[in-house]
PDB file of N, CA and C in Angstrom:
ATOM      1  N   MET A   1     -83.681 -26.913   4.457  1.00  0.00           N
ATOM      2  CA  MET A   1     -84.063 -26.647   3.531  1.00  0.00           C
ATOM      3  C   MET A   1     -84.898 -25.590   3.856  1.00  0.00           C
ATOM      4  N   THR A   2     -85.057 -24.389   2.957  1.00  0.00           N
ATOM      5  CA  THR A   2     -85.672 -23.191   3.051  1.00  0.00           C
ATOM      6  C   THR A   2     -86.988 -23.401   3.442  1.00  0.00           C
ATOM      7  N   GLN A   3     -87.557 -22.577   4.312  1.00  0.00           N
ATOM      8  CA  GLN A   3     -89.121 -22.471   4.450  1.00  0.00           C
ATOM      9  C   GLN A   3     -89.862 -22.319   3.125  1.00  0.00           C
ATOM     10  N   SER A   4     -89.485 -21.723   1.906  1.00  0.00           N
ATOM     11  CA  SER A   4     -89.960 -21.432   0.968  1.00  0.00           C
ATOM     12  C   SER A   4     -89.907 -22.526  -0.074  1.00  0.00           C
ATOM     13  N   LEU A   5     -88.808 -23.648  -0.216  1.00  0.00           N
ATOM     14  CA  LEU A   5     -88.729 -24.661  -0.655  1.00  0.00           C
ATOM     15  C   LEU A   5     -89.879 -25.694   0.170  1.00  0.00           C
ATOM     16  N   LYS A   6     -90.056 -25.689   1.284  1.00  0.00           N
ATOM     17  CA  LYS A   6     -91.204 -26.369   2.363  1.00  0.00           C
ATOM     18  C   LYS A   6     -92.507 -25.919   1.849  1.00  0.00           C
ATOM     19  N   ASP A   7     -92.560 -24.992   1.698  1.00  0.00           N
ATOM     20  CA  ASP A   7     -93.796 -24.406   1.234  1.00  0.00           C
ATOM     21  C   ASP A   7     -94.183 -25.132  -0.040  1.00  0.00           C
ATOM     22  N   LYS A   8     -93.334 -24.697  -0.860  1.00  0.00           N
ATOM     23  CA  LYS A   8     -93.872 -25.343  -2.250  1.00  0.00           C
ATOM     24  C   LYS A   8     -94.290 -26.386  -2.402  1.00  0.00           C
ATOM     25  N   ILE A   9     -93.180 -27.703  -1.948  1.00  0.00           N
ATOM     26  CA  ILE A   9     -93.253 -28.809  -1.439  1.00  0.00           C
ATOM     27  C   ILE A   9     -94.960 -29.293  -1.125  1.00  0.00           C
ATOM     28  N   ILE A  10     -95.194 -28.713   0.153  1.00  0.00           N
ATOM     29  CA  ILE A  10     -96.417 -28.882   0.563  1.00  0.00           C
ATOM     30  C   ILE A  10     -97.684 -28.631  -0.343  1.00  0.00           C
ATOM     31  N   THR A  11     -97.367 -27.449  -1.166  1.00  0.00           N
ATOM     32  CA  THR A  11     -98.378 -26.880  -2.040  1.00  0.00           C
ATOM     33  C   THR A  11     -98.634 -27.959  -3.019  1.00  0.00           C
ATOM     34  N   VAL A  12     -97.420 -28.326  -3.401  1.00  0.00           N
ATOM     35  CA  VAL A  12     -97.650 -29.185  -4.624  1.00  0.00           C
ATOM     36  C   VAL A  12     -98.264 -30.562  -3.971  1.00  0.00           C
ATOM     37  N   CYS A  13     -97.975 -31.132  -2.770  1.00  0.00           N
ATOM     38  CA  CYS A  13     -98.540 -32.195  -2.222  1.00  0.00           C
ATOM     39  C   CYS A  13    -100.089 -32.190  -2.246  1.00  0.00           C
ATOM     40  N   ASN A  14    -100.300 -31.061  -1.649  1.00  0.00           N
ATOM     41  CA  ASN A  14    -101.641 -30.809  -1.163  1.00  0.00           C
ATOM     42  C   ASN A  14    -102.514 -30.807  -2.945  1.00  0.00           C
ATOM     43  N   LYS A  15    -102.256 -30.076  -3.970  1.00  0.00           N
ATOM     44  CA  LYS A  15    -102.717 -30.004  -5.108  1.00  0.00           C
ATOM     45  C   LYS A  15    -102.787 -31.577  -5.637  1.00  0.00           C
ATOM     46  N   LYS A  16    -101.526 -31.977  -5.679  1.00  0.00           N
ATOM     47  CA  LYS A  16    -101.790 -33.584  -6.220  1.00  0.00           C
ATOM     48  C   LYS A  16    -102.731 -34.458  -5.560  1.00  0.00           C
ATOM     49  N   ILE A  17    -102.897 -34.488  -4.286  1.00  0.00           N
ATOM     50  CA  ILE A  17    -103.738 -35.172  -3.040  1.00  0.00           C
ATOM     51  C   ILE A  17    -105.375 -34.815  -3.814  1.00  0.00           C
ATOM     52  N   GLU A  18    -105.191 -33.504  -3.759  1.00  0.00           N
ATOM     53  CA  GLU A  18    -106.769 -32.900  -4.360  1.00  0.00           C
ATOM     54  C   GLU A  18    -107.295 -33.397  -5.535  1.00  0.00           C
ATOM     55  N   GLN A  19    -106.289 -33.659  -6.459  1.00  0.00           N
ATOM     56  CA  GLN A  19    -106.717 -34.058  -7.690  1.00  0.00           C
ATOM     57  C   GLN A  19    -106.723 -35.376  -8.198  1.00  0.00           C
ATOM     58  N   LYS A  20    -106.079 -36.387  -7.416  1.00  0.00           N
ATOM     59  CA  LYS A  20    -105.803 -37.701  -7.593  1.00  0.00           C
ATOM     60  C   LYS A  20    -106.315 -38.771  -6.184  1.00  0.00           C
ATOM     61  N   GLY A  21    -106.187 -37.775  -4.964  1.00  0.00           N
ATOM     62  CA  GLY A  21    -106.395 -38.822  -3.998  1.00  0.00           C
ATOM     63  C   GLY A  21    -105.280 -38.945  -2.813  1.00  0.00           C
ATOM     64  N   VAL A  22    -105.523 -39.589  -1.938  1.00  0.00           N
ATOM     65  CA  VAL A  22    -104.321 -39.892  -0.725  1.00  0.00           C
ATOM     66  C   VAL A  22    -103.301 -40.755  -1.143  1.00  0.00           C
ATOM     67  N   ASN A  23    -103.784 -41.267  -2.193  1.00  0.00           N
ATOM     68  CA  ASN A  23    -102.900 -42.624  -2.477  1.00  0.00           C
ATOM     69  C   ASN A  23    -101.913 -42.026  -3.636  1.00  0.00           C
ATOM     70  N   VAL A  24    -101.959 -40.683  -3.945  1.00  0.00           N
ATOM     71  CA  VAL A  24    -100.876 -40.364  -5.524  1.00  0.00           C
ATOM     72  C   VAL A  24     -99.313 -40.192  -4.765  1.00  0.00           C
ATOM     73  N   GLY A  25     -98.700 -40.718  -5.581  1.00  0.00           N
ATOM     74  CA  GLY A  25     -97.498 -40.957  -5.527  1.00  0.00           C
ATOM     75  C   GLY A  25     -96.764 -39.682  -6.275  1.00  0.00           C
ATOM     76  N   LEU A  26     -95.665 -39.479  -5.745  1.00  0.00           N
ATOM     77  CA  LEU A  26     -94.599 -38.516  -6.438  1.00  0.00           C
ATOM     78  C   LEU A  26     -93.323 -38.525  -6.079  1.00  0.00           C
ATOM     79  N   SER A  27     -92.535 -38.065  -7.458  1.00  0.00           N
ATOM     80  CA  SER A  27     -91.154 -38.250  -7.145  1.00  0.00           C
ATOM     81  C   SER A  27     -90.769 -36.742  -7.025  1.00  0.00           C
ATOM     82  N   PHE A  28     -89.369 -36.662  -6.789  1.00  0.00           N
ATOM     83  CA  PHE A  28     -89.028 -35.144  -6.057  1.00  0.00           C
ATOM     84  C   PHE A  28     -88.858 -34.327  -7.216  1.00  0.00           C
ATOM     85  N   TYR A  29     -89.119 -34.806  -8.743  1.00  0.00           N
ATOM     86  CA  TYR A  29     -89.179 -34.058  -9.891  1.00  0.00           C
ATOM     87  C   TYR A  29     -90.584 -33.195  -9.945  1.00  0.00           C
ATOM     88  N   ALA A  30     -91.246 -33.532  -9.305  1.00  0.00           N
ATOM     89  CA  ALA A  30     -92.648 -32.923  -9.180  1.00  0.00           C
ATOM     90  C   ALA A  30     -92.672 -31.564  -8.659  1.00  0.00           C
ATOM     91  N   PHE A  31     -91.706 -31.180  -7.953  1.00  0.00           N
ATOM     92  CA  PHE A  31     -91.636 -29.811  -7.610  1.00  0.00           C
ATOM     93  C   PHE A  31     -90.995 -28.898  -8.554  1.00  0.00           C
ATOM     94  N   PHE A  32     -90.714 -29.055  -9.912  1.00  0.00           N
ATOM     95  CA  PHE A  32     -89.832 -28.621 -10.392  1.00  0.00           C
ATOM     96  C   PHE A  32     -90.446 -28.878 -12.233  1.00  0.00           C
ATOM     97  N   SER A  33     -90.219 -27.511 -12.857  1.00  0.00           N
ATOM     98  CA  SER A  33     -90.556 -27.609 -13.977  1.00  0.00           C
ATOM     99  C   SER A  33     -89.756 -28.463 -14.968  1.00  0.00           C
ATOM    100  N   ASN A  34     -89.944 -28.900 -16.410  1.00  0.00           N
ATOM    101  CA  ASN A  34     -89.374 -29.709 -16.757  1.00  0.00           C
ATOM    102  C   ASN A  34     -88.208 -29.156 -17.143  1.00  0.00           C
ATOM    103  N   LYS A  35     -87.210 -28.020 -16.921  1.00  0.00           N
ATOM    104  CA  LYS A  35     -86.325 -27.430 -17.362  1.00  0.00           C
ATOM    105  C   LYS A  35     -85.163 -27.606 -16.147  1.00  0.00           C
ATOM    106  N   ASN A  36     -83.910 -27.818 -16.413  1.00  0.00           N
ATOM    107  CA  ASN A  36     -82.897 -27.688 -15.165  1.00  0.00           C
ATOM    108  C   ASN A  36     -82.722 -26.106 -15.274  1.00  0.00           C
ATOM    109  N   ASP A  37     -83.478 -25.278 -14.722  1.00  0.00           N
ATOM    110  CA  ASP A  37     -82.889 -23.662 -14.422  1.00  0.00           C
ATOM    111  C   ASP A  37     -82.485 -23.600 -13.054  1.00  0.00           C
ATOM    112  N   ASN A  38     -82.460 -24.450 -11.966  1.00  0.00           N
ATOM    113  CA  ASN A  38     -81.980 -24.426 -10.692  1.00  0.00           C
ATOM    114  C   ASN A  38     -81.368 -25.730 -10.492  1.00  0.00           C
ATOM    115  N   PRO A  39     -80.379 -26.012 -10.688  1.00  0.00           N
ATOM    116  CA  PRO A  39     -79.702 -27.299 -10.651  1.00  0.00           C
ATOM    117  C   PRO A  39     -79.008 -27.622  -8.993  1.00  0.00           C
ATOM    118  N   GLU A  40     -78.875 -26.469  -8.419  1.00  0.00           N
ATOM    119  CA  GLU A  40     -78.751 -26.126  -7.104  1.00  0.00           C
ATOM    120  C   GLU A  40     -79.886 -26.739  -6.168  1.00  0.00           C
ATOM    121  N   LEU A  41     -80.860 -26.163  -6.564  1.00  0.00           N
ATOM    122  CA  LEU A  41     -82.000 -26.525  -5.605  1.00  0.00           C
ATOM    123  C   LEU A  41     -82.672 -27.886  -6.141  1.00  0.00           C
ATOM    124  N   LEU A  42     -82.559 -28.483  -7.184  1.00  0.00           N
ATOM    125  CA  LEU A  42     -83.037 -29.743  -7.565  1.00  0.00           C
ATOM    126  C   LEU A  42     -82.092 -30.558  -6.687  1.00  0.00           C
ATOM    127  N   MET A  43     -80.656 -30.239  -6.698  1.00  0.00           N
ATOM    128  CA  MET A  43     -79.689 -31.401  -6.098  1.00  0.00           C
ATOM    129  C   MET A  43     -80.205 -31.299  -4.194  1.00  0.00           C
ATOM    130  N   GLU A  44     -80.559 -30.077  -3.723  1.00  0.00           N
ATOM    131  CA  GLU A  44     -80.836 -29.905  -2.301  1.00  0.00           C
ATOM    132  C   GLU A  44     -82.038 -31.016  -2.264  1.00  0.00           C
ATOM    133  N   VAL A  45     -82.846 -30.785  -3.015  1.00  0.00           N
ATOM    134  CA  VAL A  45     -84.505 -31.701  -2.746  1.00  0.00           C
ATOM    135  C   VAL A  45     -84.080 -33.050  -3.062  1.00  0.00           C
ATOM    136  N   ALA A  46     -83.058 -33.549  -3.956  1.00  0.00           N
ATOM    137  CA  ALA A  46     -82.711 -34.767  -4.322  1.00  0.00           C
ATOM    138  C   ALA A  46     -81.940 -35.506  -3.177  1.00  0.00           C
ATOM    139  N   THR A  47     -80.950 -34.530  -2.439  1.00  0.00           N
ATOM    140  CA  THR A  47     -80.314 -34.660  -1.572  1.00  0.00           C
ATOM    141  C   THR A  47     -80.961 -35.493  -0.258  1.00  0.00           C
ATOM    142  N   TRP A  48     -82.025 -34.477  -0.103  1.00  0.00           N
ATOM    143  CA  TRP A  48     -82.993 -34.311   1.283  1.00  0.00           C
ATOM    144  C   TRP A  48     -83.524 -35.750   1.139  1.00  0.00           C
ATOM    145  N   TRP A  49     -84.388 -35.984  -0.285  1.00  0.00           N
ATOM    146  CA  TRP A  49     -85.162 -37.114  -0.597  1.00  0.00           C
ATOM    147  C   TRP A  49     -84.375 -38.719  -0.408  1.00  0.00           C
ATOM    148  N   ILE A  50     -83.452 -38.745  -1.241  1.00  0.00           N
ATOM    149  CA  ILE A  50     -82.291 -39.818  -1.664  1.00  0.00           C
ATOM    150  C   ILE A  50     -81.705 -40.064  -0.279  1.00  0.00           C
ATOM    151  N   MET A  51     -80.502 -39.340  -0.102  1.00  0.00           N
ATOM    152  CA  MET A  51     -79.532 -39.340   1.146  1.00  0.00           C
ATOM    153  C   MET A  51     -79.856 -39.206   2.567  1.00  0.00           C
ATOM    154  N   GLU A  52     -81.403 -38.257   2.587  1.00  0.00           N
ATOM    155  CA  GLU A  52     -81.375 -38.036   4.031  1.00  0.00           C
ATOM    156  C   GLU A  52     -82.302 -39.061   4.329  1.00  0.00           C
ATOM    157  N   HIS A  53     -83.394 -39.004   3.655  1.00  0.00           N
ATOM    158  CA  HIS A  53     -84.491 -40.147   4.013  1.00  0.00           C
ATOM    159  C   HIS A  53     -84.423 -41.367   3.190  1.00  0.00           C
ATOM    160  N   LYS A  54     -83.732 -41.663   2.528  1.00  0.00           N
ATOM    161  CA  LYS A  54     -83.356 -43.205   1.645  1.00  0.00           C
ATOM    162  C   LYS A  54     -85.153 -43.279   1.384  1.00  0.00           C
ATOM    163  N   LEU A  55     -85.811 -42.337   0.378  1.00  0.00           N
ATOM    164  CA  LEU A  55     -86.998 -42.849   0.082  1.00  0.00           C
ATOM    165  C   LEU A  55     -86.707 -43.172  -1.352  1.00  0.00           C
ATOM    166  N   ASP A  56     -87.899 -44.271  -2.196  1.00  0.00           N
ATOM    167  CA  ASP A  56     -87.760 -44.564  -3.003  1.00  0.00           C
ATOM    168  C   ASP A  56     -88.321 -43.554  -4.296  1.00  0.00           C
ATOM    169  N   HIS A  57     -88.076 -43.753  -5.439  1.00  0.00           N
ATOM    170  CA  HIS A  57     -88.337 -43.003  -6.650  1.00  0.00           C
ATOM    171  C   HIS A  57     -89.510 -42.147  -6.155  1.00  0.00           C
ATOM    172  N   PHE A  58     -90.556 -43.268  -6.620  1.00  0.00           N
ATOM    173  CA  PHE A  58     -91.724 -42.454  -5.977  1.00  0.00           C
ATOM    174  C   PHE A  58     -92.504 -42.902  -4.712  1.00  0.00           C
ATOM    175  N   GLU A  59     -92.618 -41.914  -3.946  1.00  0.00           N
ATOM    176  CA  GLU A  59     -93.580 -42.164  -2.496  1.00  0.00           C
ATOM    177  C   GLU A  59     -95.103 -41.556  -2.401  1.00  0.00           C
ATOM    178  N   LYS A  60     -95.788 -41.494  -1.787  1.00  0.00           N
ATOM    179  CA  LYS A  60     -96.999 -40.999  -1.457  1.00  0.00           C
ATOM    180  C   LYS A  60     -96.807 -39.266  -1.075  1.00  0.00           C
ATOM    181  N   ALA A  61     -97.579 -38.868  -1.604  1.00  0.00           N
ATOM    182  CA  ALA A  61     -97.702 -37.220  -1.273  1.00  0.00           C
ATOM    183  C   ALA A  61     -97.676 -37.074   0.147  1.00  0.00           C
ATOM    184  N   ILE A  62     -98.547 -37.609   0.754  1.00  0.00           N
ATOM    185  CA  ILE A  62     -99.273 -37.666   2.172  1.00  0.00           C
ATOM    186  C   ILE A  62     -97.990 -37.806   2.993  1.00  0.00           C
ATOM    187  N   LYS A  63     -96.806 -38.777   2.555  1.00  0.00           N
ATOM    188  CA  LYS A  63     -95.761 -39.104   3.378  1.00  0.00           C
ATOM    189  C   LYS A  63     -94.719 -37.702   3.203  1.00  0.00           C
ATOM    190  N   ILE A  64     -94.411 -37.238   2.199  1.00  0.00           N
ATOM    191  CA  ILE A  64     -93.729 -36.199   1.760  1.00  0.00           C
ATOM    192  C   ILE A  64     -94.091 -35.277   2.657  1.00  0.00           C
ATOM    193  N   LYS A  65     -95.478 -34.825   2.347  1.00  0.00           N
ATOM    194  CA  LYS A  65     -95.995 -33.605   3.053  1.00  0.00           C
ATOM    195  C   LYS A  65     -95.618 -33.982   4.649  1.00  0.00           C
ATOM    196  N   ASN A  66     -96.167 -34.724   5.036  1.00  0.00           N
ATOM    197  CA  ASN A  66     -95.719 -34.860   6.525  1.00  0.00           C
ATOM    198  C   ASN A  66     -94.073 -35.174   6.908  1.00  0.00           C
ATOM    199  N   LEU A  67     -93.156 -35.800   6.225  1.00  0.00           N
ATOM    200  CA  LEU A  67     -91.796 -35.400   6.302  1.00  0.00           C
ATOM    201  C   LEU A  67     -91.425 -33.689   6.422  1.00  0.00           C
ATOM    202  N   VAL A  68     -92.123 -33.319   5.382  1.00  0.00           N
ATOM    203  CA  VAL A  68     -91.234 -31.848   5.438  1.00  0.00           C
ATOM    204  C   VAL A  68     -92.025 -30.923   6.522  1.00  0.00           C
ATOM    205  N   LYS A  69     -93.132 -31.163   6.777  1.00  0.00           N
ATOM    206  CA  LYS A  69     -93.926 -30.353   8.162  1.00  0.00           C
ATOM    207  C   LYS A  69     -92.834 -30.824   9.304  1.00  0.00           C
TER     208      LYS A  69
END
């Protein structure tokens, strides 16, 4: 995963935690707009989320943030 993608994921996690608290859950779709304008990047994150880490559809933002770090 590229550093710019890691930075984006951490930024989104931080924003959601700030808005909704440490127990907020996210899916990997939270890092994308509601358009499929970059399917390769979406598949990269989906593969990391589902295949590499075996995560559920929704996971705590704090957990995702720590995995990316």
